[in-house]
Amino acid sequence: MSEPPTSAAQTRGGPLLERLKSERPLITVELRPPRADLSRRRSIDSWIDMHHAIRRLIKRDTYVLLTDNAVGKNEEENLHHLRSNLAQAVPANRLVPFLTCKHSLDYCQMYADRALSNGHEALVVLGGDKDVGAPRCVGHAYELRAQLRERVPGLALGGWANPHRDPGRQLDYVQAEDFHADFFLTQVVSHHDLPAVEAFLAELRRRELEIPAAFGVFYYRSPNPRTLKFLSKFLPVPVEGIQADFDSGASPEEVCARTIRALRDLGVRHIYLSNLAFAKAPLAMRKIEELL
C-alpha cells in the first residue's frame, strides 16, 4: 500500500530520526520497566525510581528506550506508565517504546495507535525471543512492521540487525523493500568483537545504505561467572575478555567506555546503552561520558 499523499514518510520520526541521520554523536539509554510480578509497593517504588531517572537522563540530551518483556520476563506495560506518570514531565518524542510480536495482533495494532496518540514519534518493533514467553503473533518483526506502516504511517519504525551474524545476509534484510523500518538497532557488541563490527560496517558502507543505526553496548555490572553465563543465553558475551577487563581493575563504566571509544574509532556515531539499572542510570551515564 502506498504512502498517503500528505507524505508521512517525509515527516515521521521527529528529532530522533533527524539526530540519527546527523553526524553529531548520540548515546541513548535502554531501560527495562519493572517486572509485572512485583508487589504493589515494590512496583510503585520502581516506577518512582524510573520516573526520576528518565527525567534526569532527558536533561542530558538523550533519548530513552523502554523494553517490552525483555529476555522473556513479563514487564509492566511501558506505554501505560509513560502515559500515566510522565506525560506532563517529559516530552513524549524523547521516549521510544519497544513492541515485540509476542502479543496478540489486535494488541499490537492498538499499541501503535496509542503510541502515536500519546505523542511518541518512534517505535522499535522486534520479534522477541522465540524460546521463552508467549508465542509471536507473526513469524517475523518485518511482517508486523508492514501492518503498522499502513495503520500508523506517521510513526517512525525501528528494526533490528545482528553484526555477529553474516553481514551480507543481515544487510539483505535491512535493504529489502519489506523491512519497513526508518532506522535500526543492532545486537550488543563489545571492544572484544571488533572484527565482526568492522565486517558489518564495511558491508554497510559498500552498499551505501542511508538507513541510520544505533549500535548496542551492554553495561556489564560485574564479572560474575554465573551472571555472564546466564546472559550468554540471550546475547553474545565475550566472557574471558570481560573478566580480564574487570581483573585489570576497570570499573563497569570504564569497561563500557572502552567499547564506545572503540566503536567511535571505527566511525560509529550512535549508540544505545543496555542493562543500566534505572535508579543508577543517570550517574552511570555521567561517569561513562566523562571517560570518553
Protein backbone atom coordinates (compact mmCIF):
# COMPACT_ATOMS: atom_id res chain seq x y z
CA MET A 1 0.00 0.00 0.00
CA SER A 2 1.45 3.41 -0.97
CA GLU A 3 2.01 6.25 1.48
CA PRO A 4 -0.80 8.83 1.87
CA PRO A 5 -0.49 11.88 -0.37
CA THR A 6 0.48 14.01 2.64
CA SER A 7 3.83 12.14 2.54
CA ALA A 8 4.01 10.87 6.10
CA ALA A 9 7.30 9.27 5.10
CA GLN A 10 8.87 12.75 4.92
CA THR A 11 7.59 13.89 8.32
CA ARG A 12 7.66 10.84 10.58
CA GLY A 13 10.35 10.29 13.16
CA GLY A 14 10.78 13.81 14.51
CA PRO A 15 14.00 14.83 16.24
CA LEU A 16 15.17 11.25 16.94
CA LEU A 17 15.35 10.33 13.27
CA GLU A 18 16.95 13.67 12.43
CA ARG A 19 19.59 13.07 15.11
CA LEU A 20 20.31 9.52 13.94
CA LYS A 21 20.85 10.87 10.42
CA SER A 22 23.24 13.57 11.64
CA GLU A 23 26.99 13.44 12.27
CA ARG A 24 26.53 14.52 15.88
CA PRO A 25 27.21 11.55 18.23
CA LEU A 26 24.34 10.28 20.33
CA ILE A 27 24.22 7.92 23.29
CA THR A 28 20.72 6.70 24.12
CA VAL A 29 19.73 4.55 27.08
CA GLU A 30 17.62 1.40 27.08
CA LEU A 31 15.71 0.75 30.31
CA ARG A 32 13.55 -2.17 31.40
CA PRO A 33 10.21 -1.43 33.11
CA PRO A 34 9.62 -3.19 36.45
CA ARG A 35 8.65 -6.86 36.36
CA ALA A 36 4.92 -7.45 36.30
CA ASP A 37 5.07 -9.85 39.27
CA LEU A 38 6.35 -7.31 41.80
CA SER A 39 4.24 -6.42 44.80
CA ARG A 40 2.27 -3.20 44.50
CA ARG A 41 4.64 -1.41 46.90
CA ARG A 42 7.79 -2.55 45.08
CA SER A 43 6.23 -1.72 41.73
CA ILE A 44 5.40 1.81 42.85
CA ASP A 45 8.91 2.29 44.23
CA SER A 46 10.41 1.03 40.98
CA TRP A 47 8.31 3.35 38.85
CA ILE A 48 9.26 6.28 41.08
CA ASP A 49 12.94 5.45 40.58
CA MET A 50 12.40 5.15 36.83
CA HIS A 51 10.46 8.42 36.75
CA HIS A 52 13.35 10.30 38.33
CA ALA A 53 15.93 8.51 36.16
CA ILE A 54 14.13 9.30 32.90
CA ARG A 55 13.74 12.97 33.80
CA ARG A 56 17.44 13.25 34.66
CA LEU A 57 18.53 11.36 31.55
CA ILE A 58 16.44 13.52 29.24
CA LYS A 59 18.20 16.61 30.62
CA ARG A 60 21.46 15.09 29.34
CA ASP A 61 20.33 15.49 25.72
CA THR A 62 19.50 11.85 25.16
CA TYR A 63 16.59 9.58 24.37
CA VAL A 64 15.26 6.73 26.48
CA LEU A 65 14.22 3.38 25.02
CA LEU A 66 11.83 1.23 27.07
CA THR A 67 11.80 -2.53 26.52
CA ASP A 68 8.85 -4.89 26.15
CA ASN A 69 9.18 -8.12 28.14
CA ALA A 70 12.96 -8.34 27.66
CA VAL A 71 14.53 -11.84 27.82
CA GLY A 72 11.07 -13.34 28.17
CA LYS A 73 10.30 -11.72 31.55
CA ASN A 74 6.86 -10.16 31.91
CA GLU A 75 7.25 -6.43 32.43
CA GLU A 76 4.66 -3.82 33.23
CA GLU A 77 3.49 -2.17 30.04
CA ASN A 78 5.74 0.73 29.13
CA LEU A 79 3.06 2.84 27.41
CA HIS A 80 0.71 2.72 30.39
CA HIS A 81 3.38 4.12 32.71
CA LEU A 82 4.57 6.74 30.26
CA ARG A 83 1.03 7.99 29.76
CA SER A 84 0.04 7.86 33.44
CA ASN A 85 3.16 9.18 35.14
CA LEU A 86 5.38 11.02 32.68
CA ALA A 87 3.01 12.67 30.22
CA GLN A 88 3.41 16.14 31.74
CA ALA A 89 7.05 15.78 32.80
CA VAL A 90 8.93 14.53 29.74
CA PRO A 91 8.44 15.24 26.01
CA ALA A 92 6.98 12.06 24.51
CA ASN A 93 9.20 12.35 21.44
CA ARG A 94 12.21 11.76 23.71
CA LEU A 95 10.85 8.34 24.71
CA VAL A 96 10.96 5.37 22.34
CA PRO A 97 8.99 2.29 23.42
CA PHE A 98 9.71 -1.23 22.18
CA LEU A 99 6.99 -3.56 20.92
CA THR A 100 7.65 -7.25 20.32
CA CYS A 101 5.49 -9.63 18.30
CA LYS A 102 4.79 -11.64 21.47
CA HIS A 103 1.27 -10.26 21.88
CA SER A 104 -1.98 -10.66 20.01
CA LEU A 105 -2.17 -8.86 16.67
CA ASP A 106 -5.07 -6.72 17.94
CA TYR A 107 -2.97 -5.66 20.92
CA CYS A 108 -0.02 -4.71 18.70
CA GLN A 109 -2.21 -2.64 16.39
CA MET A 110 -3.88 -0.82 19.27
CA TYR A 111 -0.49 -0.32 20.91
CA ALA A 112 0.80 1.53 17.85
CA ASP A 113 -2.37 3.67 17.78
CA ARG A 114 -1.86 4.55 21.44
CA ALA A 115 1.85 5.31 20.97
CA LEU A 116 1.10 7.81 18.22
CA SER A 117 -1.81 9.42 20.07
CA ASN A 118 0.36 9.75 23.21
CA GLY A 119 2.87 11.80 21.24
CA HIS A 120 5.59 9.22 20.64
CA GLU A 121 7.18 9.65 17.23
CA ALA A 122 9.14 6.38 17.01
CA LEU A 123 8.52 2.75 17.89
CA VAL A 124 11.04 -0.11 17.79
CA VAL A 125 9.33 -3.30 16.57
CA LEU A 126 11.15 -6.56 17.33
CA GLY A 127 10.35 -10.24 17.01
CA GLY A 128 11.04 -11.23 20.59
CA ASP A 129 12.82 -14.36 21.81
CA LYS A 130 11.13 -17.43 20.33
CA ASP A 131 12.37 -19.73 23.08
CA VAL A 132 10.74 -18.06 26.08
CA GLY A 133 7.45 -16.42 26.90
CA ALA A 134 4.34 -16.09 24.73
CA PRO A 135 4.34 -17.07 21.03
CA ARG A 136 4.66 -14.41 18.33
CA CYS A 137 1.53 -13.17 16.58
CA VAL A 138 3.50 -13.18 13.29
CA GLY A 139 6.60 -15.08 12.27
CA HIS A 140 8.90 -12.09 11.88
CA ALA A 141 9.03 -8.48 13.02
CA TYR A 142 9.02 -7.11 9.46
CA GLU A 143 5.55 -8.61 8.99
CA LEU A 144 4.23 -6.66 11.94
CA ARG A 145 6.02 -3.50 10.82
CA ALA A 146 4.35 -3.85 7.42
CA GLN A 147 0.93 -3.80 9.05
CA LEU A 148 1.81 -0.93 11.38
CA ARG A 149 3.28 1.10 8.50
CA GLU A 150 -0.14 1.08 6.81
CA ARG A 151 -2.01 1.66 10.05
CA VAL A 152 0.14 4.50 11.51
CA PRO A 153 2.25 5.91 8.63
CA GLY A 154 3.31 8.89 10.73
CA LEU A 155 5.13 6.73 13.27
CA ALA A 156 8.83 6.03 12.62
CA LEU A 157 9.55 2.32 12.99
CA GLY A 158 12.79 0.79 14.15
CA GLY A 159 14.12 -2.63 13.12
CA TRP A 160 16.98 -4.90 14.14
CA ALA A 161 20.23 -6.33 12.80
CA ASN A 162 22.92 -8.56 14.28
CA PRO A 163 26.59 -7.77 13.48
CA HIS A 164 27.60 -11.15 14.94
CA ARG A 165 25.98 -12.95 12.02
CA ASP A 166 26.78 -12.91 8.32
CA PRO A 167 26.82 -9.19 7.41
CA GLY A 168 25.67 -9.81 3.86
CA ARG A 169 22.57 -11.71 4.97
CA GLN A 170 21.82 -9.23 7.76
CA LEU A 171 22.00 -6.25 5.43
CA ASP A 172 19.97 -8.08 2.80
CA TYR A 173 17.17 -7.99 5.38
CA VAL A 174 17.73 -4.30 6.11
CA GLN A 175 17.89 -3.39 2.41
CA ALA A 176 14.79 -5.37 1.47
CA GLU A 177 11.69 -3.43 0.48
CA ASP A 178 9.66 -5.28 3.09
CA PHE A 179 11.95 -4.34 6.01
CA HIS A 180 9.62 -1.39 6.69
CA ALA A 181 11.91 0.45 9.10
CA ASP A 182 13.24 4.02 9.21
CA PHE A 183 16.20 3.10 11.43
CA PHE A 184 17.56 0.01 13.13
CA LEU A 185 19.26 -1.05 16.33
CA THR A 186 21.95 -3.71 16.49
CA GLN A 187 22.60 -6.56 18.84
CA VAL A 188 25.04 -5.51 21.56
CA VAL A 189 28.71 -5.54 20.61
CA SER A 190 31.95 -5.18 22.57
CA HIS A 191 35.51 -3.97 22.06
CA HIS A 192 36.27 -7.70 22.14
CA ASP A 193 34.10 -8.19 19.00
CA LEU A 194 35.68 -5.63 16.68
CA PRO A 195 36.35 -7.90 13.67
CA ALA A 196 32.62 -8.67 13.42
CA VAL A 197 31.76 -4.99 13.76
CA GLU A 198 34.32 -4.00 11.12
CA ALA A 199 32.93 -6.56 8.68
CA PHE A 200 29.38 -5.31 9.28
CA LEU A 201 30.38 -1.68 8.79
CA ALA A 202 32.35 -2.47 5.65
CA GLU A 203 29.32 -4.13 4.09
CA LEU A 204 27.06 -1.31 5.22
CA ARG A 205 29.33 1.25 3.53
CA ARG A 206 29.83 -0.85 0.42
CA ARG A 207 26.07 -0.88 -0.13
CA GLU A 208 25.83 2.86 0.64
CA LEU A 209 22.76 2.27 2.78
CA GLU A 210 21.33 5.50 4.13
CA ILE A 211 19.16 4.00 6.87
CA PRO A 212 20.59 5.18 10.22
CA ALA A 213 21.53 2.80 13.03
CA ALA A 214 22.37 2.77 16.73
CA PHE A 215 24.79 0.09 17.93
CA GLY A 216 24.08 -1.65 21.22
CA VAL A 217 26.61 -1.58 24.07
CA PHE A 218 26.00 -3.70 27.15
CA TYR A 219 26.76 -2.33 30.61
CA TYR A 220 28.37 -5.22 32.48
CA ARG A 221 27.90 -4.61 36.20
CA SER A 222 30.35 -7.30 37.33
CA PRO A 223 32.42 -10.23 36.04
CA ASN A 224 30.34 -12.75 37.99
CA PRO A 225 30.72 -16.04 36.02
CA ARG A 226 27.16 -17.17 36.76
CA THR A 227 25.74 -13.89 35.55
CA LEU A 228 27.82 -13.89 32.38
CA LYS A 229 26.81 -17.50 31.69
CA PHE A 230 23.14 -16.59 32.10
CA LEU A 231 23.48 -13.55 29.82
CA SER A 232 25.11 -15.73 27.19
CA LYS A 233 21.73 -17.43 26.66
CA PHE A 234 20.36 -14.18 25.24
CA LEU A 235 23.27 -12.25 23.76
CA PRO A 236 26.90 -12.74 22.70
CA VAL A 237 29.10 -12.29 25.78
CA PRO A 238 32.92 -12.24 25.40
CA VAL A 239 33.26 -13.84 28.83
CA GLU A 240 37.04 -14.08 29.01
CA GLY A 241 37.54 -10.55 27.73
CA ILE A 242 35.04 -9.02 30.15
CA GLN A 243 36.53 -10.91 33.08
CA ALA A 244 40.00 -9.73 32.06
CA ASP A 245 38.78 -6.13 31.93
CA PHE A 246 37.48 -6.31 35.50
CA ASP A 247 40.55 -8.23 36.70
CA SER A 248 42.69 -5.34 35.44
CA GLY A 249 40.84 -3.03 37.83
CA ALA A 250 38.45 -1.44 35.34
CA SER A 251 35.10 -0.22 36.66
CA PRO A 252 31.81 -1.11 34.91
CA GLU A 253 31.80 2.40 33.45
CA GLU A 254 35.34 2.04 32.11
CA VAL A 255 34.53 -1.34 30.51
CA CYS A 256 31.53 0.27 28.82
CA ALA A 257 33.54 3.33 27.77
CA ARG A 258 36.20 1.10 26.17
CA THR A 259 33.57 -0.30 23.83
CA ILE A 260 32.16 3.12 22.98
CA ARG A 261 35.63 4.50 22.25
CA ALA A 262 36.44 1.50 20.05
CA LEU A 263 33.19 1.92 18.11
CA ARG A 264 33.78 5.62 17.61
CA ASP A 265 37.26 4.85 16.29
CA LEU A 266 35.52 2.70 13.66
CA GLY A 267 33.17 5.54 12.73
CA VAL A 268 30.08 4.52 14.72
CA ARG A 269 28.35 7.70 15.87
CA HIS A 270 25.16 6.48 17.55
CA ILE A 271 24.94 4.04 20.45
CA TYR A 272 22.37 2.76 22.90
CA LEU A 273 23.39 1.53 26.34
CA SER A 274 21.70 -1.61 27.62
CA ASN A 275 21.40 -3.05 31.17
CA LEU A 276 21.68 0.16 33.17
CA ALA A 277 19.79 -0.09 36.47
CA PHE A 278 17.36 2.80 36.27
CA ALA A 279 17.96 4.01 39.85
CA LYS A 280 21.66 4.47 39.00
CA ALA A 281 21.41 5.12 35.26
CA PRO A 282 21.96 8.92 35.29
CA LEU A 283 25.10 8.63 37.45
CA ALA A 284 26.49 5.75 35.38
CA MET A 285 25.78 7.71 32.19
CA ARG A 286 27.65 10.73 33.53
CA LYS A 287 30.67 8.63 34.55
CA ILE A 288 30.76 6.92 31.15
CA GLU A 289 30.62 10.24 29.30
CA GLU A 290 33.45 11.60 31.44
CA LEU A 291 35.63 8.67 30.32
CA LEU A 292 35.07 9.24 26.60
